[in-house]
mmCIF file of all heavy atoms, coordinates in Angstrom:
data_MODEL
# 
_entry.id   MODEL 
# 
loop_
_atom_site.group_PDB 
_atom_site.id 
_atom_site.type_symbol 
_atom_site.label_atom_id 
_atom_site.label_alt_id 
_atom_site.label_comp_id 
_atom_site.label_asym_id 
_atom_site.label_entity_id 
_atom_site.label_seq_id 
_atom_site.pdbx_PDB_ins_code 
_atom_site.Cartn_x 
_atom_site.Cartn_y 
_atom_site.Cartn_z 
_atom_site.occupancy 
_atom_site.B_iso_or_equiv 
_atom_site.pdbx_formal_charge 
_atom_site.auth_seq_id 
_atom_site.auth_comp_id 
_atom_site.auth_asym_id 
_atom_site.auth_atom_id 
_atom_site.pdbx_PDB_model_num 
ATOM 1   N N   . ALA A 1 1  ? -18.017 2.140  9.283   1.00 0.00 ? 1  ALA A N   1 
ATOM 2   C CA  . ALA A 1 1  ? -17.808 3.552  8.926   1.00 0.00 ? 1  ALA A CA  1 
ATOM 3   C C   . ALA A 1 1  ? -16.406 3.752  8.355   1.00 0.00 ? 1  ALA A C   1 
ATOM 4   O O   . ALA A 1 1  ? -16.230 4.445  7.346   1.00 0.00 ? 1  ALA A O   1 
ATOM 5   C CB  . ALA A 1 1  ? -18.018 4.450  10.138  1.00 0.00 ? 1  ALA A CB  1 
ATOM 6   N N   . PHE A 1 2  ? -15.387 3.153  8.989   1.00 0.00 ? 2  PHE A N   1 
ATOM 7   C CA  . PHE A 1 2  ? -14.020 3.221  8.460   1.00 0.00 ? 2  PHE A CA  1 
ATOM 8   C C   . PHE A 1 2  ? -13.985 2.682  7.023   1.00 0.00 ? 2  PHE A C   1 
ATOM 9   O O   . PHE A 1 2  ? -13.441 3.294  6.122   1.00 0.00 ? 2  PHE A O   1 
ATOM 10  C CB  . PHE A 1 2  ? -13.058 2.376  9.307   1.00 0.00 ? 2  PHE A CB  1 
ATOM 11  C CG  . PHE A 1 2  ? -12.466 3.081  10.492  1.00 0.00 ? 2  PHE A CG  1 
ATOM 12  C CD1 . PHE A 1 2  ? -12.534 2.520  11.760  1.00 0.00 ? 2  PHE A CD1 1 
ATOM 13  C CD2 . PHE A 1 2  ? -11.823 4.292  10.345  1.00 0.00 ? 2  PHE A CD2 1 
ATOM 14  C CE1 . PHE A 1 2  ? -11.986 3.178  12.859  1.00 0.00 ? 2  PHE A CE1 1 
ATOM 15  C CE2 . PHE A 1 2  ? -11.277 4.942  11.444  1.00 0.00 ? 2  PHE A CE2 1 
ATOM 16  C CZ  . PHE A 1 2  ? -11.368 4.386  12.700  1.00 0.00 ? 2  PHE A CZ  1 
ATOM 17  N N   . LEU A 1 3  ? -14.600 1.509  6.855   1.00 0.00 ? 3  LEU A N   1 
ATOM 18  C CA  . LEU A 1 3  ? -14.609 0.842  5.549   1.00 0.00 ? 3  LEU A CA  1 
ATOM 19  C C   . LEU A 1 3  ? -15.334 1.695  4.517   1.00 0.00 ? 3  LEU A C   1 
ATOM 20  O O   . LEU A 1 3  ? -14.833 1.944  3.412   1.00 0.00 ? 3  LEU A O   1 
ATOM 21  C CB  . LEU A 1 3  ? -15.300 -0.530 5.689   1.00 0.00 ? 3  LEU A CB  1 
ATOM 22  C CG  . LEU A 1 3  ? -15.573 -1.283 4.386   1.00 0.00 ? 3  LEU A CG  1 
ATOM 23  C CD1 . LEU A 1 3  ? -14.270 -1.766 3.781   1.00 0.00 ? 3  LEU A CD1 1 
ATOM 24  C CD2 . LEU A 1 3  ? -16.503 -2.470 4.617   1.00 0.00 ? 3  LEU A CD2 1 
ATOM 25  N N   . PHE A 1 4  ? -16.489 2.145  4.916   1.00 0.00 ? 4  PHE A N   1 
ATOM 26  C CA  . PHE A 1 4  ? -17.376 2.879  4.046   1.00 0.00 ? 4  PHE A CA  1 
ATOM 27  C C   . PHE A 1 4  ? -16.722 4.155  3.525   1.00 0.00 ? 4  PHE A C   1 
ATOM 28  O O   . PHE A 1 4  ? -16.688 4.406  2.314   1.00 0.00 ? 4  PHE A O   1 
ATOM 29  C CB  . PHE A 1 4  ? -18.614 3.224  4.889   1.00 0.00 ? 4  PHE A CB  1 
ATOM 30  C CG  . PHE A 1 4  ? -19.794 3.576  4.084   1.00 0.00 ? 4  PHE A CG  1 
ATOM 31  C CD1 . PHE A 1 4  ? -20.560 2.567  3.538   1.00 0.00 ? 4  PHE A CD1 1 
ATOM 32  C CD2 . PHE A 1 4  ? -20.123 4.892  3.846   1.00 0.00 ? 4  PHE A CD2 1 
ATOM 33  C CE1 . PHE A 1 4  ? -21.647 2.899  2.766   1.00 0.00 ? 4  PHE A CE1 1 
ATOM 34  C CE2 . PHE A 1 4  ? -21.196 5.216  3.085   1.00 0.00 ? 4  PHE A CE2 1 
ATOM 35  C CZ  . PHE A 1 4  ? -21.969 4.217  2.546   1.00 0.00 ? 4  PHE A CZ  1 
ATOM 36  N N   . VAL A 1 5  ? -16.235 4.953  4.464   1.00 0.00 ? 5  VAL A N   1 
ATOM 37  C CA  . VAL A 1 5  ? -15.618 6.218  4.090   1.00 0.00 ? 5  VAL A CA  1 
ATOM 38  C C   . VAL A 1 5  ? -14.386 5.965  3.230   1.00 0.00 ? 5  VAL A C   1 
ATOM 39  O O   . VAL A 1 5  ? -14.156 6.638  2.225   1.00 0.00 ? 5  VAL A O   1 
ATOM 40  C CB  . VAL A 1 5  ? -15.259 7.044  5.350   1.00 0.00 ? 5  VAL A CB  1 
ATOM 41  C CG1 . VAL A 1 5  ? -14.514 8.318  4.961   1.00 0.00 ? 5  VAL A CG1 1 
ATOM 42  C CG2 . VAL A 1 5  ? -16.519 7.397  6.125   1.00 0.00 ? 5  VAL A CG2 1 
ATOM 43  N N   . ASP A 1 6  ? -13.615 4.940  3.602   1.00 0.00 ? 6  ASP A N   1 
ATOM 44  C CA  . ASP A 1 6  ? -12.406 4.615  2.851   1.00 0.00 ? 6  ASP A CA  1 
ATOM 45  C C   . ASP A 1 6  ? -12.729 4.202  1.409   1.00 0.00 ? 6  ASP A C   1 
ATOM 46  O O   . ASP A 1 6  ? -12.102 4.668  0.452   1.00 0.00 ? 6  ASP A O   1 
ATOM 47  C CB  . ASP A 1 6  ? -11.645 3.486  3.572   1.00 0.00 ? 6  ASP A CB  1 
ATOM 48  C CG  . ASP A 1 6  ? -10.184 3.401  3.095   1.00 0.00 ? 6  ASP A CG  1 
ATOM 49  O OD1 . ASP A 1 6  ? -9.690  4.408  2.571   1.00 0.00 ? 6  ASP A OD1 1 
ATOM 50  O OD2 . ASP A 1 6  ? -9.552  2.353  3.258   1.00 0.00 ? 6  ASP A OD2 1 
ATOM 51  N N   . VAL A 1 7  ? -13.725 3.340  1.251   1.00 0.00 ? 7  VAL A N   1 
ATOM 52  C CA  . VAL A 1 7  ? -14.117 2.862  -0.082  1.00 0.00 ? 7  VAL A CA  1 
ATOM 53  C C   . VAL A 1 7  ? -14.522 4.042  -0.975  1.00 0.00 ? 7  VAL A C   1 
ATOM 54  O O   . VAL A 1 7  ? -14.080 4.169  -2.112  1.00 0.00 ? 7  VAL A O   1 
ATOM 55  C CB  . VAL A 1 7  ? -15.266 1.822  0.010   1.00 0.00 ? 7  VAL A CB  1 
ATOM 56  C CG1 . VAL A 1 7  ? -15.874 1.577  -1.366  1.00 0.00 ? 7  VAL A CG1 1 
ATOM 57  C CG2 . VAL A 1 7  ? -14.753 0.502  0.565   1.00 0.00 ? 7  VAL A CG2 1 
ATOM 58  N N   . PHE A 1 8  ? -15.355 4.935  -0.425  1.00 0.00 ? 8  PHE A N   1 
ATOM 59  C CA  . PHE A 1 8  ? -15.842 6.052  -1.234  1.00 0.00 ? 8  PHE A CA  1 
ATOM 60  C C   . PHE A 1 8  ? -14.778 7.105  -1.475  1.00 0.00 ? 8  PHE A C   1 
ATOM 61  O O   . PHE A 1 8  ? -14.680 7.679  -2.540  1.00 0.00 ? 8  PHE A O   1 
ATOM 62  C CB  . PHE A 1 8  ? -17.070 6.677  -0.583  1.00 0.00 ? 8  PHE A CB  1 
ATOM 63  C CG  . PHE A 1 8  ? -18.259 5.816  -0.751  1.00 0.00 ? 8  PHE A CG  1 
ATOM 64  C CD1 . PHE A 1 8  ? -18.818 5.172  0.321   1.00 0.00 ? 8  PHE A CD1 1 
ATOM 65  C CD2 . PHE A 1 8  ? -18.792 5.574  -2.004  1.00 0.00 ? 8  PHE A CD2 1 
ATOM 66  C CE1 . PHE A 1 8  ? -19.875 4.317  0.159   1.00 0.00 ? 8  PHE A CE1 1 
ATOM 67  C CE2 . PHE A 1 8  ? -19.853 4.718  -2.173  1.00 0.00 ? 8  PHE A CE2 1 
ATOM 68  C CZ  . PHE A 1 8  ? -20.402 4.097  -1.093  1.00 0.00 ? 8  PHE A CZ  1 
ATOM 69  N N   . ASP A 1 9  ? -14.005 7.356  -0.420  1.00 0.00 ? 9  ASP A N   1 
ATOM 70  C CA  . ASP A 1 9  ? -12.902 8.293  -0.519  1.00 0.00 ? 9  ASP A CA  1 
ATOM 71  C C   . ASP A 1 9  ? -11.964 7.889  -1.654  1.00 0.00 ? 9  ASP A C   1 
ATOM 72  O O   . ASP A 1 9  ? -11.634 8.674  -2.537  1.00 0.00 ? 9  ASP A O   1 
ATOM 73  C CB  . ASP A 1 9  ? -12.111 8.240  0.806   1.00 0.00 ? 9  ASP A CB  1 
ATOM 74  C CG  . ASP A 1 9  ? -11.913 9.618  1.391   1.00 0.00 ? 9  ASP A CG  1 
ATOM 75  O OD1 . ASP A 1 9  ? -12.624 10.506 0.945   1.00 0.00 ? 9  ASP A OD1 1 
ATOM 76  O OD2 . ASP A 1 9  ? -11.058 9.814  2.268   1.00 0.00 ? 9  ASP A OD2 1 
ATOM 77  N N   . ASN A 1 10 ? -11.575 6.637  -1.576  1.00 0.00 ? 10 ASN A N   1 
ATOM 78  C CA  . ASN A 1 10 ? -10.649 6.097  -2.557  1.00 0.00 ? 10 ASN A CA  1 
ATOM 79  C C   . ASN A 1 10 ? -11.216 6.105  -3.959  1.00 0.00 ? 10 ASN A C   1 
ATOM 80  O O   . ASN A 1 10 ? -10.567 6.517  -4.911  1.00 0.00 ? 10 ASN A O   1 
ATOM 81  C CB  . ASN A 1 10 ? -10.294 4.644  -2.207  1.00 0.00 ? 10 ASN A CB  1 
ATOM 82  C CG  . ASN A 1 10 ? -9.197  4.600  -1.202  1.00 0.00 ? 10 ASN A CG  1 
ATOM 83  O OD1 . ASN A 1 10 ? -8.242  5.328  -1.335  1.00 0.00 ? 10 ASN A OD1 1 
ATOM 84  N ND2 . ASN A 1 10 ? -9.302  3.781  -0.211  1.00 0.00 ? 10 ASN A ND2 1 
ATOM 85  N N   . THR A 1 11 ? -12.417 5.591  -4.058  1.00 0.00 ? 11 THR A N   1 
ATOM 86  C CA  . THR A 1 11 ? -13.039 5.482  -5.375  1.00 0.00 ? 11 THR A CA  1 
ATOM 87  C C   . THR A 1 11 ? -13.185 6.862  -6.000  1.00 0.00 ? 11 THR A C   1 
ATOM 88  O O   . THR A 1 11 ? -12.838 7.079  -7.164  1.00 0.00 ? 11 THR A O   1 
ATOM 89  C CB  . THR A 1 11 ? -14.411 4.790  -5.273  1.00 0.00 ? 11 THR A CB  1 
ATOM 90  O OG1 . THR A 1 11 ? -14.261 3.585  -4.523  1.00 0.00 ? 11 THR A OG1 1 
ATOM 91  C CG2 . THR A 1 11 ? -14.963 4.450  -6.633  1.00 0.00 ? 11 THR A CG2 1 
ATOM 92  N N   . GLY A 1 12 ? -13.687 7.813  -5.207  1.00 0.00 ? 12 GLY A N   1 
ATOM 93  C CA  . GLY A 1 12 ? -13.885 9.178  -5.691  1.00 0.00 ? 12 GLY A CA  1 
ATOM 94  C C   . GLY A 1 12 ? -12.572 9.808  -6.134  1.00 0.00 ? 12 GLY A C   1 
ATOM 95  O O   . GLY A 1 12 ? -12.482 10.405 -7.217  1.00 0.00 ? 12 GLY A O   1 
ATOM 96  N N   . THR A 1 13 ? -11.536 9.642  -5.306  1.00 0.00 ? 13 THR A N   1 
ATOM 97  C CA  . THR A 1 13 ? -10.224 10.219 -5.627  1.00 0.00 ? 13 THR A CA  1 
ATOM 98  C C   . THR A 1 13 ? -9.656  9.587  -6.895  1.00 0.00 ? 13 THR A C   1 
ATOM 99  O O   . THR A 1 13 ? -9.168  10.285 -7.791  1.00 0.00 ? 13 THR A O   1 
ATOM 100 C CB  . THR A 1 13 ? -9.245  10.014 -4.445  1.00 0.00 ? 13 THR A CB  1 
ATOM 101 O OG1 . THR A 1 13 ? -9.803  10.640 -3.303  1.00 0.00 ? 13 THR A OG1 1 
ATOM 102 C CG2 . THR A 1 13 ? -7.880  10.585 -4.738  1.00 0.00 ? 13 THR A CG2 1 
ATOM 103 N N   . LEU A 1 14 ? -9.714  8.268  -6.957  1.00 0.00 ? 14 LEU A N   1 
ATOM 104 C CA  . LEU A 1 14 ? -9.170  7.565  -8.124  1.00 0.00 ? 14 LEU A CA  1 
ATOM 105 C C   . LEU A 1 14 ? -9.878  7.992  -9.408  1.00 0.00 ? 14 LEU A C   1 
ATOM 106 O O   . LEU A 1 14 ? -9.246  8.252  -10.427 1.00 0.00 ? 14 LEU A O   1 
ATOM 107 C CB  . LEU A 1 14 ? -9.299  6.043  -7.939  1.00 0.00 ? 14 LEU A CB  1 
ATOM 108 C CG  . LEU A 1 14 ? -8.318  5.434  -6.917  1.00 0.00 ? 14 LEU A CG  1 
ATOM 109 C CD1 . LEU A 1 14 ? -8.768  4.042  -6.524  1.00 0.00 ? 14 LEU A CD1 1 
ATOM 110 C CD2 . LEU A 1 14 ? -6.923  5.376  -7.478  1.00 0.00 ? 14 LEU A CD2 1 
ATOM 111 N N   . LEU A 1 15 ? -11.202 8.087  -9.341  1.00 0.00 ? 15 LEU A N   1 
ATOM 112 C CA  . LEU A 1 15 ? -11.965 8.495  -10.528 1.00 0.00 ? 15 LEU A CA  1 
ATOM 113 C C   . LEU A 1 15 ? -11.586 9.918  -10.946 1.00 0.00 ? 15 LEU A C   1 
ATOM 114 O O   . LEU A 1 15 ? -11.339 10.199 -12.118 1.00 0.00 ? 15 LEU A O   1 
ATOM 115 C CB  . LEU A 1 15 ? -13.472 8.413  -10.255 1.00 0.00 ? 15 LEU A CB  1 
ATOM 116 C CG  . LEU A 1 15 ? -14.061 7.000  -10.149 1.00 0.00 ? 15 LEU A CG  1 
ATOM 117 C CD1 . LEU A 1 15 ? -15.487 7.038  -9.644  1.00 0.00 ? 15 LEU A CD1 1 
ATOM 118 C CD2 . LEU A 1 15 ? -14.014 6.295  -11.492 1.00 0.00 ? 15 LEU A CD2 1 
ATOM 119 N N   . GLY A 1 16 ? -11.523 10.804 -9.956  1.00 0.00 ? 16 GLY A N   1 
ATOM 120 C CA  . GLY A 1 16 ? -11.255 12.212 -10.233 1.00 0.00 ? 16 GLY A CA  1 
ATOM 121 C C   . GLY A 1 16 ? -9.852  12.437 -10.786 1.00 0.00 ? 16 GLY A C   1 
ATOM 122 O O   . GLY A 1 16 ? -9.660  13.115 -11.809 1.00 0.00 ? 16 GLY A O   1 
ATOM 123 N N   . VAL A 1 17 ? -8.855  11.853 -10.125 1.00 0.00 ? 17 VAL A N   1 
ATOM 124 C CA  . VAL A 1 17 ? -7.454  12.100 -10.498 1.00 0.00 ? 17 VAL A CA  1 
ATOM 125 C C   . VAL A 1 17 ? -7.098  11.416 -11.826 1.00 0.00 ? 17 VAL A C   1 
ATOM 126 O O   . VAL A 1 17 ? -6.437  12.004 -12.670 1.00 0.00 ? 17 VAL A O   1 
ATOM 127 C CB  . VAL A 1 17 ? -6.487  11.666 -9.364  1.00 0.00 ? 17 VAL A CB  1 
ATOM 128 C CG1 . VAL A 1 17 ? -5.031  11.830 -9.799  1.00 0.00 ? 17 VAL A CG1 1 
ATOM 129 C CG2 . VAL A 1 17 ? -6.754  12.490 -8.105  1.00 0.00 ? 17 VAL A CG2 1 
ATOM 130 N N   . THR A 1 18 ? -7.550  10.166 -12.008 1.00 0.00 ? 18 THR A N   1 
ATOM 131 C CA  . THR A 1 18 ? -7.234  9.464  -13.259 1.00 0.00 ? 18 THR A CA  1 
ATOM 132 C C   . THR A 1 18 ? -7.908  10.131 -14.468 1.00 0.00 ? 18 THR A C   1 
ATOM 133 O O   . THR A 1 18 ? -7.350  10.197 -15.555 1.00 0.00 ? 18 THR A O   1 
ATOM 134 C CB  . THR A 1 18 ? -7.656  7.983  -13.205 1.00 0.00 ? 18 THR A CB  1 
ATOM 135 O OG1 . THR A 1 18 ? -9.002  7.914  -12.721 1.00 0.00 ? 18 THR A OG1 1 
ATOM 136 C CG2 . THR A 1 18 ? -6.742  7.172  -12.321 1.00 0.00 ? 18 THR A CG2 1 
ATOM 137 N N   . LYS A 1 19 ? -9.101  10.660 -14.238 1.00 0.00 ? 19 LYS A N   1 
ATOM 138 C CA  . LYS A 1 19 ? -9.805  11.397 -15.302 1.00 0.00 ? 19 LYS A CA  1 
ATOM 139 C C   . LYS A 1 19 ? -8.982  12.631 -15.699 1.00 0.00 ? 19 LYS A C   1 
ATOM 140 O O   . LYS A 1 19 ? -8.788  12.917 -16.882 1.00 0.00 ? 19 LYS A O   1 
ATOM 141 C CB  . LYS A 1 19 ? -11.193 11.815 -14.799 1.00 0.00 ? 19 LYS A CB  1 
ATOM 142 C CG  . LYS A 1 19 ? -12.100 12.359 -15.909 1.00 0.00 ? 19 LYS A CG  1 
ATOM 143 C CD  . LYS A 1 19 ? -13.477 12.675 -15.324 1.00 0.00 ? 19 LYS A CD  1 
ATOM 144 C CE  . LYS A 1 19 ? -14.334 13.383 -16.365 1.00 0.00 ? 19 LYS A CE  1 
ATOM 145 N NZ  . LYS A 1 19 ? -15.612 13.819 -15.763 1.00 0.00 ? 19 LYS A NZ  1 
ATOM 146 N N   . ARG A 1 20 ? -8.490  13.325 -14.686 1.00 0.00 ? 20 ARG A N   1 
ATOM 147 C CA  . ARG A 1 20 ? -7.684  14.526 -14.920 1.00 0.00 ? 20 ARG A CA  1 
ATOM 148 C C   . ARG A 1 20 ? -6.373  14.187 -15.641 1.00 0.00 ? 20 ARG A C   1 
ATOM 149 O O   . ARG A 1 20 ? -5.880  14.971 -16.455 1.00 0.00 ? 20 ARG A O   1 
ATOM 150 C CB  . ARG A 1 20 ? -7.385  15.194 -13.573 1.00 0.00 ? 20 ARG A CB  1 
ATOM 151 C CG  . ARG A 1 20 ? -6.881  16.607 -13.713 1.00 0.00 ? 20 ARG A CG  1 
ATOM 152 C CD  . ARG A 1 20 ? -7.136  17.368 -12.458 1.00 0.00 ? 20 ARG A CD  1 
ATOM 153 N NE  . ARG A 1 20 ? -6.549  18.682 -12.491 1.00 0.00 ? 20 ARG A NE  1 
ATOM 154 C CZ  . ARG A 1 20 ? -6.669  19.537 -11.504 1.00 0.00 ? 20 ARG A CZ  1 
ATOM 155 N NH1 . ARG A 1 20 ? -7.386  19.255 -10.464 1.00 0.00 ? 20 ARG A NH1 1 
ATOM 156 N NH2 . ARG A 1 20 ? -6.096  20.722 -11.580 1.00 0.00 ? 20 ARG A NH2 1 
ATOM 157 N N   . ALA A 1 21 ? -5.830  13.016 -15.331 1.00 0.00 ? 21 ALA A N   1 
ATOM 158 C CA  . ALA A 1 21 ? -4.556  12.603 -15.934 1.00 0.00 ? 21 ALA A CA  1 
ATOM 159 C C   . ALA A 1 21 ? -4.748  11.988 -17.312 1.00 0.00 ? 21 ALA A C   1 
ATOM 160 O O   . ALA A 1 21 ? -3.772  11.628 -17.982 1.00 0.00 ? 21 ALA A O   1 
ATOM 161 C CB  . ALA A 1 21 ? -3.856  11.601 -15.015 1.00 0.00 ? 21 ALA A CB  1 
ATOM 162 N N   . GLY A 1 22 ? -5.998  11.850 -17.729 1.00 0.00 ? 22 GLY A N   1 
ATOM 163 C CA  . GLY A 1 22 ? -6.300  11.258 -19.039 1.00 0.00 ? 22 GLY A CA  1 
ATOM 164 C C   . GLY A 1 22 ? -6.099  9.747  -19.058 1.00 0.00 ? 22 GLY A C   1 
ATOM 165 O O   . GLY A 1 22 ? -5.852  9.147  -20.117 1.00 0.00 ? 22 GLY A O   1 
ATOM 166 N N   . LEU A 1 23 ? -6.197  9.103  -17.874 1.00 0.00 ? 23 LEU A N   1 
ATOM 167 C CA  . LEU A 1 23 ? -5.980  7.660  -17.794 1.00 0.00 ? 23 LEU A CA  1 
ATOM 168 C C   . LEU A 1 23 ? -7.294  6.877  -17.815 1.00 0.00 ? 23 LEU A C   1 
ATOM 169 O O   . LEU A 1 23 ? -7.297  5.661  -17.939 1.00 0.00 ? 23 LEU A O   1 
ATOM 170 C CB  . LEU A 1 23 ? -5.200  7.310  -16.500 1.00 0.00 ? 23 LEU A CB  1 
ATOM 171 C CG  . LEU A 1 23 ? -3.797  7.959  -16.373 1.00 0.00 ? 23 LEU A CG  1 
ATOM 172 C CD1 . LEU A 1 23 ? -3.254  7.801  -14.966 1.00 0.00 ? 23 LEU A CD1 1 
ATOM 173 C CD2 . LEU A 1 23 ? -2.836  7.376  -17.384 1.00 0.00 ? 23 LEU A CD2 1 
ATOM 174 N N   . ALA A 1 24 ? -8.416  7.596  -17.669 1.00 0.00 ? 24 ALA A N   1 
ATOM 175 C CA  . ALA A 1 24 ? -9.722  6.930  -17.687 1.00 0.00 ? 24 ALA A CA  1 
ATOM 176 C C   . ALA A 1 24 ? -10.217 6.792  -19.130 1.00 0.00 ? 24 ALA A C   1 
ATOM 177 O O   . ALA A 1 24 ? -9.813  7.553  -20.012 1.00 0.00 ? 24 ALA A O   1 
ATOM 178 C CB  . ALA A 1 24 ? -10.715 7.729  -16.846 1.00 0.00 ? 24 ALA A CB  1 
# 
């Protein structure tokens, strides 16, 4: 559960923030 939530949390945040920053 720790791993799972962390993987998705991170992935989701990275995708969202980098998209907003124009880095994707």
